[in-house]
Amino acid sequence: MEPTQATSAIIDGRYQILRRLGQGSSGTTYAAERLATGQTIALKELSLRGLQDWKKIELFEREARILKTLNHPAIPQYIDFFQVDTADNRWFYLAQDLAEGTSLADWVEGGGWVDEAEARRIAIAVLDVLIYLHGLNPPVIHRDLKPQNIIRRDDGHIYLVDFGAVQTVYRDSLRQGSTVVGTYGYMAPEQFRGQAVPATDLYSLGATLLFLLTHQSPADLPQERLRINFRPYVAVSVAFADWLEQLLDPLVEDRFASAQVALAALTQPAPPAPPAPRRLAPRPPVGTRVQVQTSPTELSIYIPPPGLRGETAGIGLFGLFWNGFVLVWTIGAVTGGGSLLFGLIAIPFWVVGFSMISGVVNALLAHVHLRIDRQRFSLTRRMLGRTRRIEGYTADLAKVELQTAYTQNDRPVHTIALLEGINQHKFGTPLQTVEKVWLVDEIEAFIQQTERDFRMPEKPRDFRQPFE
């Protein structure tokens, strides 16, 4: 650890140490009194003795050189840069105006909690500074934007401090063997390769906002292919989460093009989305007896017995022939002294035969009613005074589709299948194909509209009340 100055020490005959403010990788910062004016300033110190990384001297001098050219109300004003030689050491000093307040890191540690409104306000303030820095010629990149380097005054004013990692794009980014600087968890992926562009600061801002919203280092949140999966851990609107996600995109080219663009996306309301093309309601097939009633809140489908027509009539005739043949066969086998084994072999043939007869009876007698509203659905089948009803939640309906019920003359005969999780509810087999397609379109349209109307943002796993 490098040596530090004692309280009350006088530096260069001009500054008296009052207290230590913090220790960073680029030096120790003190609150000091400017003896000539009595002004309290920030005095940053770097000791040459014991310095193992000589690159720090270059960074310290670069910080002073760049700060001298900056003029923004959120950046403490440059005052002086000098060195002091003693018998056993050389000290470098950078004097700036003191940013009164508390770092966001200390503020959160002290119990501060940021809701979306405050996160937006902080983001706007920092983006304003970045627009200024990145708009200089050459652009200036901070490269170490994090909660420790953002000071919040009691009235909410924001300062950006510690330019020890600062880089000027044109002069430094093209050098070979660039030094990797920054803080793990807040560094954009390209910083690990020693590269930095203006969008690098945008990533760090996004990571800082995540810390404020979650009280966790972004490095501790789950990642997939360098992309932070933060949505389950924040209680913010979908729009703000989308904005954060673009700020934190691991690919530079997929982040906002500039701080100006990011600020516009955050503060300007998005243009109203063009109305979705109105879906034309499916037209009922001519001659159908199926009744469909639909409204924004409910869909009702009534299917009366379609009667013997088309394929159903053919199945009925074939079923009578099949069952007659199986009956004659079974009687002949039994009267001829057939064994029990033969009786068992005949069972599947009887099942097929009765299935065909059952289908014909359904076509002649079964009344089917499907009702779906925004909460629940019911499928009721009524025949010969008996009623069978299936009920469930509309939210569990995954889709509706046509499935093959059986094959007749090498042609598939379809049925309507309503998929509820792993359950399938089938109906409408005796209808004509055009009627089935029509009903599938009606049901699918209603389910999709219900999903759009009730789609809500994901609930965070760890929601805490904002700090007042």
Foldseek 3Di string as FASTA:
>chain_A
DDDDDDAQDDDPVFKGFHAWDDQDPLFTWTFIAGVVPRATWIKGKDKPPPDPDPVSVVLVVVLLVVLQVDDDPQEWHWDDWDWDDDPPIIMTMTITHDDPAAFQLVCVVVPAADAPVLLLVVLLLVLVVLCVQVPDVQRKAQQADASRQWGQHPVGHIHGDDSSVMDRCPPQQPDPPADQDYDPLQFQPCSVVNHDDSLRVLLSSLQRSLCRFQVDRQVPADDDPQQGPRQQRGDDAPLVVVLSSLSNPSDSVSHQPHSVRSSCSSPPDDPDDDDDPDDDQDDAPPPAPWDWDDDLFKIKIKHFQQADDDPLVVLQVVLVVLVVVLVVVVVVCVVVPHDVVVVVVSVVSVVVSVVSVVSSQCSVFWMWMWMDGLFKIKIWIDGPRDIDMDMDTLVQFPAKDWDFPDADPNHTQTWIWTDRPPDTDTDDRVDDPVNNVSVRVVVRVSSVSSCVVPDDRDHHPDDDDGDD
